[in-house]
Amino acid sequence: MKDMVKETLSNTDYERGGTQKDFYTESDVKFINCPLCGTNQYKEIYKERGALGIVSCLSCGLIYINPQLKTPETVYWGDADKYFKEARLIFEGKARHHRDTNYLDDLRMIYRYKPYGNFLDVGTNMGFFLRNAKGWEWNLYGVEPSPSLSEMARKYFNLNVKTAFLEDAGFEGEFFDAVAMTDVFEHIPQPTKLLNEIRRILKSDGVLFIKVPNGLFNLFKFYIAKMTGRLKKYDIFDSYEHVIHYSDRTLHRILEKCGFAVIRTYIGKPIQLPVWHKYVGHFYQYPSPWILDPVRQSLRVIFYWLSFLEFWIRFKKAGYLAPNFVIIAKKV
């Protein structure tokens, strides 16, 4: 069945809307200090896509990219026409996004803490997450620095999205009841600057929702791939865009540093990435059948369930087997 599908689909390169490259040189990157503790002492773990380094801070243990792209946020300041081709069926209401199940789970959890009020989505992208919140009891706002992506969110989903970095968006102090970053915070090169702005615009009883890929899980995948001789076949750390790889401990620490207290931590459901782009060049946004990628889809589910056992053994801390985790925090 899988071979028949492969034969009927054309094998073309993935047509990306963004500006990411497969290989970067020293002229593309810059060295930085640790985004959590500010030191410049680190251990290199791996090199990815040429000049991009995955390192671990010797002082606080944060895993981050160093050197990293000079302007990693502009990776998504790409071609609107290509983005439209990739997501056309979603815009037209003919297909669902492959993360819709995850997005709805996230919204239901936020609703348990803040069922109404002003809701801000940071890093709105094309609006796929925020569109799922329409019809709930929130007043919806978004902020997205990419001109092409934010315009598409306004045009196709009629969302109230500002084209700006959050620090430049001009929101009033203590305006929001809920601020969400789902699969966004790992993209932020200066996390303390962003968290300080969120603290300013969040109400005293407001909640901050953050979902991130688990840095410890990425390390686990890295060492398994290294031991089995398959390391070069994978882009484990997504280093051109994911500039920080948080563990449960380091995310707690940076939140506390910026005046937040964690009120809940839990394991998020696995994200089943589609594989259409391997065969047809795009359609990466739409769910693909299990038969096209059975091993990885099954392994994601297995690790998800195993991560619950590890979570309780580690006294409700995400460990090495959780693909991602969620933290809900409040101001202190």
C-alpha atoms as a PDB file:
ATOM      1  CA  MET A   1       0.000   0.000   0.000  1.00  0.00           C
ATOM      2  CA  LYS A   2       2.717   2.446   1.009  1.00  0.00           C
ATOM      3  CA  ASP A   3       4.761   1.639  -2.125  1.00  0.00           C
ATOM      4  CA  MET A   4       1.679   2.191  -4.299  1.00  0.00           C
ATOM      5  CA  VAL A   5       1.165   5.615  -2.764  1.00  0.00           C
ATOM      6  CA  LYS A   6       4.806   6.506  -3.388  1.00  0.00           C
ATOM      7  CA  GLU A   7       4.522   5.484  -7.037  1.00  0.00           C
ATOM      8  CA  THR A   8       1.426   7.586  -7.640  1.00  0.00           C
ATOM      9  CA  LEU A   9       2.795  10.761  -6.045  1.00  0.00           C
ATOM     10  CA  SER A  10       5.500  12.817  -7.695  1.00  0.00           C
ATOM     11  CA  ASN A  11       8.815  12.888  -5.853  1.00  0.00           C
ATOM     12  CA  THR A  12       9.714  16.595  -5.812  1.00  0.00           C
ATOM     13  CA  ASP A  13      11.577  18.874  -3.443  1.00  0.00           C
ATOM     14  CA  TYR A  14       9.593  20.433  -0.624  1.00  0.00           C
ATOM     15  CA  GLU A  15       8.464  23.884  -1.770  1.00  0.00           C
ATOM     16  CA  ARG A  16       9.032  26.037   1.305  1.00  0.00           C
ATOM     17  CA  GLY A  17       7.456  29.403   1.888  1.00  0.00           C
ATOM     18  CA  GLY A  18      10.204  30.430   4.311  1.00  0.00           C
ATOM     19  CA  THR A  19      13.839  31.342   3.700  1.00  0.00           C
ATOM     20  CA  GLN A  20      15.491  28.448   5.547  1.00  0.00           C
ATOM     21  CA  LYS A  21      18.520  26.773   3.954  1.00  0.00           C
ATOM     22  CA  ASP A  22      19.994  23.309   4.265  1.00  0.00           C
ATOM     23  CA  PHE A  23      23.507  24.643   4.881  1.00  0.00           C
ATOM     24  CA  TYR A  24      24.815  27.755   6.623  1.00  0.00           C
ATOM     25  CA  THR A  25      28.306  29.254   6.690  1.00  0.00           C
ATOM     26  CA  GLU A  26      30.137  31.340   9.284  1.00  0.00           C
ATOM     27  CA  SER A  27      28.939  34.527   7.589  1.00  0.00           C
ATOM     28  CA  ASP A  28      25.308  33.572   8.422  1.00  0.00           C
ATOM     29  CA  VAL A  29      25.783  33.146  12.171  1.00  0.00           C
ATOM     30  CA  LYS A  30      26.721  34.943  15.384  1.00  0.00           C
ATOM     31  CA  PHE A  31      27.985  33.832  18.798  1.00  0.00           C
ATOM     32  CA  ILE A  32      25.873  34.647  21.858  1.00  0.00           C
ATOM     33  CA  ASN A  33      25.973  34.292  25.629  1.00  0.00           C
ATOM     34  CA  CYS A  34      23.610  31.918  27.406  1.00  0.00           C
ATOM     35  CA  PRO A  35      20.054  33.359  27.154  1.00  0.00           C
ATOM     36  CA  LEU A  36      19.274  32.188  30.707  1.00  0.00           C
ATOM     37  CA  CYS A  37      22.316  32.952  32.879  1.00  0.00           C
ATOM     38  CA  GLY A  38      24.413  35.164  30.588  1.00  0.00           C
ATOM     39  CA  THR A  39      27.660  33.189  30.753  1.00  0.00           C
ATOM     40  CA  ASN A  40      29.728  32.248  27.701  1.00  0.00           C
ATOM     41  CA  GLN A  41      31.034  28.878  28.851  1.00  0.00           C
ATOM     42  CA  TYR A  42      29.442  25.919  27.105  1.00  0.00           C
ATOM     43  CA  LYS A  43      29.954  22.389  25.844  1.00  0.00           C
ATOM     44  CA  GLU A  44      29.294  21.688  22.165  1.00  0.00           C
ATOM     45  CA  ILE A  45      26.936  18.774  21.559  1.00  0.00           C
ATOM     46  CA  TYR A  46      26.668  18.766  17.763  1.00  0.00           C
ATOM     47  CA  LYS A  47      26.875  20.810  14.580  1.00  0.00           C
ATOM     48  CA  GLU A  48      23.802  20.989  12.355  1.00  0.00           C
ATOM     49  CA  ARG A  49      23.245  22.467   8.886  1.00  0.00           C
ATOM     50  CA  GLY A  50      26.877  23.480   8.618  1.00  0.00           C
ATOM     51  CA  ALA A  51      27.740  26.278  11.041  1.00  0.00           C
ATOM     52  CA  LEU A  52      24.880  25.985  13.544  1.00  0.00           C
ATOM     53  CA  GLY A  53      26.024  24.654  16.911  1.00  0.00           C
ATOM     54  CA  ILE A  54      23.958  22.855  19.546  1.00  0.00           C
ATOM     55  CA  VAL A  55      25.505  23.551  22.952  1.00  0.00           C
ATOM     56  CA  SER A  56      24.830  23.079  26.661  1.00  0.00           C
ATOM     57  CA  CYS A  57      25.614  25.879  29.127  1.00  0.00           C
ATOM     58  CA  LEU A  58      28.206  24.744  31.685  1.00  0.00           C
ATOM     59  CA  SER A  59      26.666  27.011  34.324  1.00  0.00           C
ATOM     60  CA  CYS A  60      22.889  26.490  34.133  1.00  0.00           C
ATOM     61  CA  GLY A  61      22.514  23.533  31.758  1.00  0.00           C
ATOM     62  CA  LEU A  62      20.399  25.344  29.156  1.00  0.00           C
ATOM     63  CA  ILE A  63      20.554  23.776  25.692  1.00  0.00           C
ATOM     64  CA  TYR A  64      20.681  26.439  23.003  1.00  0.00           C
ATOM     65  CA  ILE A  65      22.023  27.196  19.528  1.00  0.00           C
ATOM     66  CA  ASN A  66      25.463  28.839  19.460  1.00  0.00           C
ATOM     67  CA  PRO A  67      26.459  30.080  17.016  1.00  0.00           C
ATOM     68  CA  GLN A  68      22.958  30.769  15.742  1.00  0.00           C
ATOM     69  CA  LEU A  69      21.531  32.614  12.753  1.00  0.00           C
ATOM     70  CA  LYS A  70      21.975  36.371  12.957  1.00  0.00           C
ATOM     71  CA  THR A  71      18.233  36.922  12.496  1.00  0.00           C
ATOM     72  CA  PRO A  72      16.461  33.566  13.020  1.00  0.00           C
ATOM     73  CA  GLU A  73      13.029  35.242  13.211  1.00  0.00           C
ATOM     74  CA  THR A  74      13.236  36.293   9.544  1.00  0.00           C
ATOM     75  CA  VAL A  75      13.191  32.641   8.439  1.00  0.00           C
ATOM     76  CA  TYR A  76       9.396  33.054   8.231  1.00  0.00           C
ATOM     77  CA  TRP A  77       9.438  36.353   6.379  1.00  0.00           C
ATOM     78  CA  GLY A  78       9.028  34.463   3.152  1.00  0.00           C
ATOM     79  CA  ASP A  79       6.991  34.212  -0.031  1.00  0.00           C
ATOM     80  CA  ALA A  80       3.249  34.633   0.619  1.00  0.00           C
ATOM     81  CA  ASP A  81       2.336  32.831  -2.627  1.00  0.00           C
ATOM     82  CA  LYS A  82       4.268  29.727  -1.572  1.00  0.00           C
ATOM     83  CA  TYR A  83       2.736  29.831   1.901  1.00  0.00           C
ATOM     84  CA  PHE A  84      -0.715  30.039   0.297  1.00  0.00           C
ATOM     85  CA  LYS A  85      -0.046  27.001  -1.907  1.00  0.00           C
ATOM     86  CA  GLU A  86       1.018  25.025   1.131  1.00  0.00           C
ATOM     87  CA  ALA A  87      -2.098  25.886   3.153  1.00  0.00           C
ATOM     88  CA  ARG A  88      -4.703  26.591   0.464  1.00  0.00           C
ATOM     89  CA  LEU A  89      -7.131  23.805   1.409  1.00  0.00           C
ATOM     90  CA  ILE A  90      -7.108  24.930   5.045  1.00  0.00           C
ATOM     91  CA  PHE A  91      -7.856  28.528   4.044  1.00  0.00           C
ATOM     92  CA  GLU A  92     -10.702  27.277   1.853  1.00  0.00           C
ATOM     93  CA  GLY A  93     -12.142  25.100   4.634  1.00  0.00           C
ATOM     94  CA  LYS A  94     -11.544  21.873   2.697  1.00  0.00           C
ATOM     95  CA  ALA A  95      -8.925  20.341   5.011  1.00  0.00           C
ATOM     96  CA  ARG A  96      -7.945  20.516   8.641  1.00  0.00           C
ATOM     97  CA  HIS A  97      -4.508  21.472   9.902  1.00  0.00           C
ATOM     98  CA  HIS A  98      -2.404  18.575  11.171  1.00  0.00           C
ATOM     99  CA  ARG A  99      -2.128  20.279  14.591  1.00  0.00           C
ATOM    100  CA  ASP A 100      -5.817  21.098  15.054  1.00  0.00           C
ATOM    101  CA  THR A 101      -6.273  18.269  17.566  1.00  0.00           C
ATOM    102  CA  ASN A 102      -3.334  19.603  19.592  1.00  0.00           C
ATOM    103  CA  TYR A 103      -4.572  23.196  19.308  1.00  0.00           C
ATOM    104  CA  LEU A 104      -8.011  22.287  20.624  1.00  0.00           C
ATOM    105  CA  ASP A 105      -6.467  20.465  23.572  1.00  0.00           C
ATOM    106  CA  ASP A 106      -4.422  23.588  24.355  1.00  0.00           C
ATOM    107  CA  LEU A 107      -7.474  25.842  24.169  1.00  0.00           C
ATOM    108  CA  ARG A 108      -9.523  23.576  26.415  1.00  0.00           C
ATOM    109  CA  MET A 109      -6.789  23.722  29.046  1.00  0.00           C
ATOM    110  CA  ILE A 110      -6.546  27.527  28.865  1.00  0.00           C
ATOM    111  CA  TYR A 111     -10.342  27.708  29.112  1.00  0.00           C
ATOM    112  CA  ARG A 112     -10.210  25.820  32.430  1.00  0.00           C
ATOM    113  CA  TYR A 113      -8.168  28.670  33.914  1.00  0.00           C
ATOM    114  CA  LYS A 114      -9.521  31.667  31.950  1.00  0.00           C
ATOM    115  CA  PRO A 115     -12.868  30.958  30.220  1.00  0.00           C
ATOM    116  CA  TYR A 116     -13.382  34.553  29.084  1.00  0.00           C
ATOM    117  CA  GLY A 117     -11.567  37.894  28.715  1.00  0.00           C
ATOM    118  CA  ASN A 118      -8.799  39.228  26.491  1.00  0.00           C
ATOM    119  CA  PHE A 119      -6.735  36.445  24.894  1.00  0.00           C
ATOM    120  CA  LEU A 120      -3.364  37.049  23.186  1.00  0.00           C
ATOM    121  CA  ASP A 121      -1.650  34.564  20.885  1.00  0.00           C
ATOM    122  CA  VAL A 122       2.065  35.375  20.571  1.00  0.00           C
ATOM    123  CA  GLY A 123       3.595  34.224  17.283  1.00  0.00           C
ATOM    124  CA  THR A 124       0.302  33.830  15.443  1.00  0.00           C
ATOM    125  CA  ASN A 125       1.909  32.730  12.163  1.00  0.00           C
ATOM    126  CA  MET A 126      -0.899  32.289   9.595  1.00  0.00           C
ATOM    127  CA  GLY A 127      -3.506  32.047  12.350  1.00  0.00           C
ATOM    128  CA  PHE A 128      -3.982  28.291  12.529  1.00  0.00           C
ATOM    129  CA  PHE A 129      -4.028  28.132  16.331  1.00  0.00           C
ATOM    130  CA  LEU A 130      -5.992  31.326  16.937  1.00  0.00           C
ATOM    131  CA  ARG A 131      -8.679  30.489  14.369  1.00  0.00           C
ATOM    132  CA  ASN A 132      -9.658  27.522  16.550  1.00  0.00           C
ATOM    133  CA  ALA A 133     -10.478  29.960  19.383  1.00  0.00           C
ATOM    134  CA  LYS A 134     -13.130  31.798  17.343  1.00  0.00           C
ATOM    135  CA  GLY A 135     -16.590  31.252  18.788  1.00  0.00           C
ATOM    136  CA  TRP A 136     -15.295  30.810  22.340  1.00  0.00           C
ATOM    137  CA  GLU A 137     -15.841  33.481  24.991  1.00  0.00           C
ATOM    138  CA  TRP A 138     -12.564  35.336  24.485  1.00  0.00           C
ATOM    139  CA  ASN A 139     -11.717  38.619  22.798  1.00  0.00           C
ATOM    140  CA  LEU A 140      -9.005  37.434  20.436  1.00  0.00           C
ATOM    141  CA  TYR A 141      -5.739  39.221  19.643  1.00  0.00           C
ATOM    142  CA  GLY A 142      -2.614  38.064  17.872  1.00  0.00           C
ATOM    143  CA  VAL A 143       0.889  39.390  17.227  1.00  0.00           C
ATOM    144  CA  GLU A 144       3.208  38.116  14.497  1.00  0.00           C
ATOM    145  CA  PRO A 145       6.392  39.812  13.183  1.00  0.00           C
ATOM    146  CA  SER A 146       6.308  38.216   9.718  1.00  0.00           C
ATOM    147  CA  PRO A 147       4.558  40.613   7.297  1.00  0.00           C
ATOM    148  CA  SER A 148       3.462  37.812   4.965  1.00  0.00           C
ATOM    149  CA  LEU A 149       2.167  35.476   7.680  1.00  0.00           C
ATOM    150  CA  SER A 150       0.303  38.121   9.701  1.00  0.00           C
ATOM    151  CA  GLU A 151      -1.384  39.436   6.556  1.00  0.00           C
ATOM    152  CA  MET A 152      -2.599  35.931   5.717  1.00  0.00           C
ATOM    153  CA  ALA A 153      -4.051  35.539   9.223  1.00  0.00           C
ATOM    154  CA  ARG A 154      -6.017  38.760   8.735  1.00  0.00           C
ATOM    155  CA  LYS A 155      -7.018  38.040   5.141  1.00  0.00           C
ATOM    156  CA  TYR A 156      -8.101  34.402   5.308  1.00  0.00           C
ATOM    157  CA  PHE A 157      -9.264  34.008   8.927  1.00  0.00           C
ATOM    158  CA  ASN A 158     -10.327  37.595   9.699  1.00  0.00           C
ATOM    159  CA  LEU A 159      -8.198  37.642  12.848  1.00  0.00           C
ATOM    160  CA  ASN A 160      -7.120  40.725  14.787  1.00  0.00           C
ATOM    161  CA  VAL A 161      -3.352  40.341  14.357  1.00  0.00           C
ATOM    162  CA  LYS A 162      -0.692  43.021  14.680  1.00  0.00           C
ATOM    163  CA  THR A 163       2.401  42.833  12.481  1.00  0.00           C
ATOM    164  CA  ALA A 164       5.101  43.395  15.110  1.00  0.00           C
ATOM    165  CA  PHE A 165       7.332  41.845  17.712  1.00  0.00           C
ATOM    166  CA  LEU A 166       5.429  41.778  20.996  1.00  0.00           C
ATOM    167  CA  GLU A 167       7.730  44.361  22.565  1.00  0.00           C
ATOM    168  CA  ASP A 168       6.830  46.816  19.788  1.00  0.00           C
ATOM    169  CA  ALA A 169       3.093  46.043  19.560  1.00  0.00           C
ATOM    170  CA  GLY A 170       2.005  48.799  21.958  1.00  0.00           C
ATOM    171  CA  PHE A 171      -0.473  46.828  24.056  1.00  0.00           C
ATOM    172  CA  GLU A 172      -1.743  48.437  27.274  1.00  0.00           C
ATOM    173  CA  GLY A 173      -0.392  47.316  30.631  1.00  0.00           C
ATOM    174  CA  GLU A 174      -2.390  44.612  32.447  1.00  0.00           C
ATOM    175  CA  PHE A 175      -4.739  44.202  29.480  1.00  0.00           C
ATOM    176  CA  PHE A 176      -4.741  40.438  28.877  1.00  0.00           C
ATOM    177  CA  ASP A 177      -6.385  37.668  30.880  1.00  0.00           C
ATOM    178  CA  ALA A 178      -4.534  34.923  28.997  1.00  0.00           C
ATOM    179  CA  VAL A 179      -1.353  34.905  26.906  1.00  0.00           C
ATOM    180  CA  ALA A 180      -0.517  31.796  24.875  1.00  0.00           C
ATOM    181  CA  MET A 181       2.647  30.626  23.175  1.00  0.00           C
ATOM    182  CA  THR A 182       2.121  27.222  21.629  1.00  0.00           C
ATOM    183  CA  ASP A 183       5.257  25.945  19.866  1.00  0.00           C
ATOM    184  CA  VAL A 184       6.611  29.507  19.799  1.00  0.00           C
ATOM    185  CA  PHE A 185       8.847  30.128  22.825  1.00  0.00           C
ATOM    186  CA  GLU A 186      11.638  27.910  21.464  1.00  0.00           C
ATOM    187  CA  HIS A 187      11.948  30.360  18.535  1.00  0.00           C
ATOM    188  CA  ILE A 188      12.682  33.387  20.745  1.00  0.00           C
ATOM    189  CA  PRO A 189      16.378  34.448  20.898  1.00  0.00           C
ATOM    190  CA  GLN A 190      15.848  36.850  23.834  1.00  0.00           C
ATOM    191  CA  PRO A 191      13.329  35.048  26.070  1.00  0.00           C
ATOM    192  CA  THR A 192      13.717  37.239  29.178  1.00  0.00           C
ATOM    193  CA  LYS A 193      12.943  40.361  27.149  1.00  0.00           C
ATOM    194  CA  LEU A 194       9.747  38.755  25.853  1.00  0.00           C
ATOM    195  CA  LEU A 195       8.689  37.434  29.274  1.00  0.00           C
ATOM    196  CA  ASN A 196       9.182  40.853  30.846  1.00  0.00           C
ATOM    197  CA  GLU A 197       6.812  42.352  28.264  1.00  0.00           C
ATOM    198  CA  ILE A 198       4.261  39.573  28.841  1.00  0.00           C
ATOM    199  CA  ARG A 199       4.397  40.262  32.563  1.00  0.00           C
ATOM    200  CA  ARG A 200       3.682  43.936  31.869  1.00  0.00           C
ATOM    201  CA  ILE A 201       0.606  43.324  29.693  1.00  0.00           C
ATOM    202  CA  LEU A 202      -0.816  40.396  31.709  1.00  0.00           C
ATOM    203  CA  LYS A 203      -3.432  41.110  34.380  1.00  0.00           C
ATOM    204  CA  SER A 204      -2.562  40.368  37.992  1.00  0.00           C
ATOM    205  CA  ASP A 205      -4.766  37.253  37.923  1.00  0.00           C
ATOM    206  CA  GLY A 206      -3.937  36.351  34.315  1.00  0.00           C
ATOM    207  CA  VAL A 207      -2.352  33.106  33.086  1.00  0.00           C
ATOM    208  CA  LEU A 208       0.548  32.390  30.748  1.00  0.00           C
ATOM    209  CA  PHE A 209       0.371  29.200  28.662  1.00  0.00           C
ATOM    210  CA  ILE A 210       3.599  27.864  27.108  1.00  0.00           C
ATOM    211  CA  LYS A 211       4.000  24.662  25.115  1.00  0.00           C
ATOM    212  CA  VAL A 212       7.499  23.774  23.888  1.00  0.00           C
ATOM    213  CA  PRO A 213       9.318  20.781  22.418  1.00  0.00           C
ATOM    214  CA  ASN A 214      11.227  18.976  25.149  1.00  0.00           C
ATOM    215  CA  GLY A 215      14.972  19.594  24.945  1.00  0.00           C
ATOM    216  CA  LEU A 216      15.702  16.402  26.885  1.00  0.00           C
ATOM    217  CA  PHE A 217      13.706  14.373  24.359  1.00  0.00           C
ATOM    218  CA  ASN A 218      15.782  15.900  21.553  1.00  0.00           C
ATOM    219  CA  LEU A 219      18.938  14.868  23.415  1.00  0.00           C
ATOM    220  CA  PHE A 220      17.516  11.354  23.787  1.00  0.00           C
ATOM    221  CA  LYS A 221      16.833  11.161  20.017  1.00  0.00           C
ATOM    222  CA  PHE A 222      20.300  12.549  19.302  1.00  0.00           C
ATOM    223  CA  TYR A 223      22.125   9.909  21.349  1.00  0.00           C
ATOM    224  CA  ILE A 224      20.003   7.081  19.925  1.00  0.00           C
ATOM    225  CA  ALA A 225      20.706   8.265  16.367  1.00  0.00           C
ATOM    226  CA  LYS A 226      24.410   8.594  17.183  1.00  0.00           C
ATOM    227  CA  MET A 227      24.639   5.091  18.659  1.00  0.00           C
ATOM    228  CA  THR A 228      22.827   3.547  15.676  1.00  0.00           C
ATOM    229  CA  GLY A 229      24.885   5.408  13.067  1.00  0.00           C
ATOM    230  CA  ARG A 230      21.886   7.290  11.658  1.00  0.00           C
ATOM    231  CA  LEU A 231      22.656  10.770  12.920  1.00  0.00           C
ATOM    232  CA  LYS A 232      23.164  12.454   9.538  1.00  0.00           C
ATOM    233  CA  LYS A 233      19.735  11.307   8.354  1.00  0.00           C
ATOM    234  CA  TYR A 234      17.927  13.552  10.829  1.00  0.00           C
ATOM    235  CA  ASP A 235      17.501  17.253  11.537  1.00  0.00           C
ATOM    236  CA  ILE A 236      16.876  16.635  15.222  1.00  0.00           C
ATOM    237  CA  PHE A 237      17.285  20.101  16.695  1.00  0.00           C
ATOM    238  CA  ASP A 238      15.710  22.254  13.929  1.00  0.00           C
ATOM    239  CA  SER A 239      18.560  24.611  14.726  1.00  0.00           C
ATOM    240  CA  TYR A 240      17.778  27.219  12.071  1.00  0.00           C
ATOM    241  CA  GLU A 241      14.504  28.076  13.871  1.00  0.00           C
ATOM    242  CA  HIS A 242      14.496  26.475  17.342  1.00  0.00           C
ATOM    243  CA  VAL A 243      17.154  28.571  19.047  1.00  0.00           C
ATOM    244  CA  ILE A 244      16.573  27.312  22.620  1.00  0.00           C
ATOM    245  CA  HIS A 245      15.743  23.760  23.714  1.00  0.00           C
ATOM    246  CA  TYR A 246      14.102  23.925  27.128  1.00  0.00           C
ATOM    247  CA  SER A 247      13.893  21.205  29.705  1.00  0.00           C
ATOM    248  CA  ASP A 248      11.283  21.285  32.440  1.00  0.00           C
ATOM    249  CA  ARG A 249      13.940  22.611  34.848  1.00  0.00           C
ATOM    250  CA  THR A 250      15.342  25.387  32.632  1.00  0.00           C
ATOM    251  CA  LEU A 251      11.888  26.634  31.612  1.00  0.00           C
ATOM    252  CA  HIS A 252      10.859  26.799  35.269  1.00  0.00           C
ATOM    253  CA  ARG A 253      14.031  28.716  36.045  1.00  0.00           C
ATOM    254  CA  ILE A 254      13.632  31.348  33.336  1.00  0.00           C
ATOM    255  CA  LEU A 255       9.987  31.919  34.283  1.00  0.00           C
ATOM    256  CA  GLU A 256      10.913  32.403  37.935  1.00  0.00           C
ATOM    257  CA  LYS A 257      13.691  34.798  36.919  1.00  0.00           C
ATOM    258  CA  CYS A 258      11.110  36.966  35.115  1.00  0.00           C
ATOM    259  CA  GLY A 259       8.548  37.061  37.918  1.00  0.00           C
ATOM    260  CA  PHE A 260       6.290  34.089  37.154  1.00  0.00           C
ATOM    261  CA  ALA A 261       5.268  31.110  39.269  1.00  0.00           C
ATOM    262  CA  VAL A 262       4.461  27.787  37.621  1.00  0.00           C
ATOM    263  CA  ILE A 263       1.042  26.493  38.645  1.00  0.00           C
ATOM    264  CA  ARG A 264       0.890  23.409  36.437  1.00  0.00           C
ATOM    265  CA  THR A 265       3.154  21.235  34.278  1.00  0.00           C
ATOM    266  CA  TYR A 266       1.930  18.415  32.053  1.00  0.00           C
ATOM    267  CA  ILE A 267       2.836  16.375  28.978  1.00  0.00           C
ATOM    268  CA  GLY A 268       1.307  17.490  25.691  1.00  0.00           C
ATOM    269  CA  LYS A 269      -0.008  15.044  23.114  1.00  0.00           C
ATOM    270  CA  PRO A 270       2.451  14.176  20.320  1.00  0.00           C
ATOM    271  CA  ILE A 271       2.360  16.228  17.126  1.00  0.00           C
ATOM    272  CA  GLN A 272       1.972  13.911  14.147  1.00  0.00           C
ATOM    273  CA  LEU A 273       3.911  15.670  11.416  1.00  0.00           C
ATOM    274  CA  PRO A 274       2.623  14.995   7.885  1.00  0.00           C
ATOM    275  CA  VAL A 275       4.945  13.717   5.184  1.00  0.00           C
ATOM    276  CA  TRP A 276       3.188  14.871   1.994  1.00  0.00           C
ATOM    277  CA  HIS A 277       6.134  17.166   1.211  1.00  0.00           C
ATOM    278  CA  LYS A 278       8.317  14.129   0.545  1.00  0.00           C
ATOM    279  CA  TYR A 279       6.098  13.156  -2.372  1.00  0.00           C
ATOM    280  CA  VAL A 280       4.288  16.189  -3.772  1.00  0.00           C
ATOM    281  CA  GLY A 281       6.542  19.123  -2.837  1.00  0.00           C
ATOM    282  CA  HIS A 282       4.133  20.831  -0.448  1.00  0.00           C
ATOM    283  CA  PHE A 283       0.826  20.074   1.356  1.00  0.00           C
ATOM    284  CA  TYR A 284       2.940  19.854   4.530  1.00  0.00           C
ATOM    285  CA  GLN A 285       0.145  21.457   6.571  1.00  0.00           C
ATOM    286  CA  TYR A 286      -2.450  18.715   6.060  1.00  0.00           C
ATOM    287  CA  PRO A 287      -2.584  15.432   8.034  1.00  0.00           C
ATOM    288  CA  SER A 288      -1.222  12.472   6.087  1.00  0.00           C
ATOM    289  CA  PRO A 289      -2.368   8.838   6.397  1.00  0.00           C
ATOM    290  CA  TRP A 290      -0.682   6.647   8.984  1.00  0.00           C
ATOM    291  CA  ILE A 291       0.466   4.289   6.221  1.00  0.00           C
ATOM    292  CA  LEU A 292       2.843   6.911   4.805  1.00  0.00           C
ATOM    293  CA  ASP A 293       4.865   7.116   8.030  1.00  0.00           C
ATOM    294  CA  PRO A 294       3.822   4.224  10.289  1.00  0.00           C
ATOM    295  CA  VAL A 295       7.014   3.773  12.312  1.00  0.00           C
ATOM    296  CA  ARG A 296       7.447   7.358  13.456  1.00  0.00           C
ATOM    297  CA  GLN A 297       3.737   7.918  14.067  1.00  0.00           C
ATOM    298  CA  SER A 298       3.596   4.776  16.211  1.00  0.00           C
ATOM    299  CA  LEU A 299       6.782   5.656  18.102  1.00  0.00           C
ATOM    300  CA  ARG A 300       5.436   9.118  18.943  1.00  0.00           C
ATOM    301  CA  VAL A 301       2.381   7.531  20.544  1.00  0.00           C
ATOM    302  CA  ILE A 302       4.467   4.949  22.429  1.00  0.00           C
ATOM    303  CA  PHE A 303       6.852   7.554  23.833  1.00  0.00           C
ATOM    304  CA  TYR A 304       3.911   9.754  24.788  1.00  0.00           C
ATOM    305  CA  TRP A 305       2.423   7.029  26.991  1.00  0.00           C
ATOM    306  CA  LEU A 306       5.800   6.009  28.419  1.00  0.00           C
ATOM    307  CA  SER A 307       6.484   9.639  29.299  1.00  0.00           C
ATOM    308  CA  PHE A 308       3.571   9.588  31.763  1.00  0.00           C
ATOM    309  CA  LEU A 309       5.264   6.874  33.822  1.00  0.00           C
ATOM    310  CA  GLU A 310       8.514   8.832  33.751  1.00  0.00           C
ATOM    311  CA  PHE A 311       6.619  12.007  34.697  1.00  0.00           C
ATOM    312  CA  TRP A 312       5.343  10.463  37.931  1.00  0.00           C
ATOM    313  CA  ILE A 313       8.673   8.785  38.736  1.00  0.00           C
ATOM    314  CA  ARG A 314      10.332  12.218  38.425  1.00  0.00           C
ATOM    315  CA  PHE A 315       7.754  13.799  40.772  1.00  0.00           C
ATOM    316  CA  LYS A 316       5.708  15.503  38.029  1.00  0.00           C
ATOM    317  CA  LYS A 317       8.680  16.694  35.984  1.00  0.00           C
ATOM    318  CA  ALA A 318       8.976  16.075  32.239  1.00  0.00           C
ATOM    319  CA  GLY A 319      11.850  13.689  31.515  1.00  0.00           C
ATOM    320  CA  TYR A 320      13.617  12.315  28.458  1.00  0.00           C
ATOM    321  CA  LEU A 321      10.649  10.499  26.894  1.00  0.00           C
ATOM    322  CA  ALA A 322       8.138  13.358  26.611  1.00  0.00           C
ATOM    323  CA  PRO A 323       8.158  14.836  23.072  1.00  0.00           C
ATOM    324  CA  ASN A 324       6.827  18.135  24.417  1.00  0.00           C
ATOM    325  CA  PHE A 325       5.494  19.617  27.624  1.00  0.00           C
ATOM    326  CA  VAL A 326       3.237  22.439  28.755  1.00  0.00           C
ATOM    327  CA  ILE A 327       3.622  24.938  31.570  1.00  0.00           C
ATOM    328  CA  ILE A 328       0.916  27.253  32.916  1.00  0.00           C
ATOM    329  CA  ALA A 329       2.168  30.157  34.995  1.00  0.00           C
ATOM    330  CA  LYS A 330       0.937  33.261  36.779  1.00  0.00           C
ATOM    331  CA  LYS A 331       2.529  36.529  37.878  1.00  0.00           C
ATOM    332  CA  VAL A 332       4.036  36.846  41.348  1.00  0.00           C
END
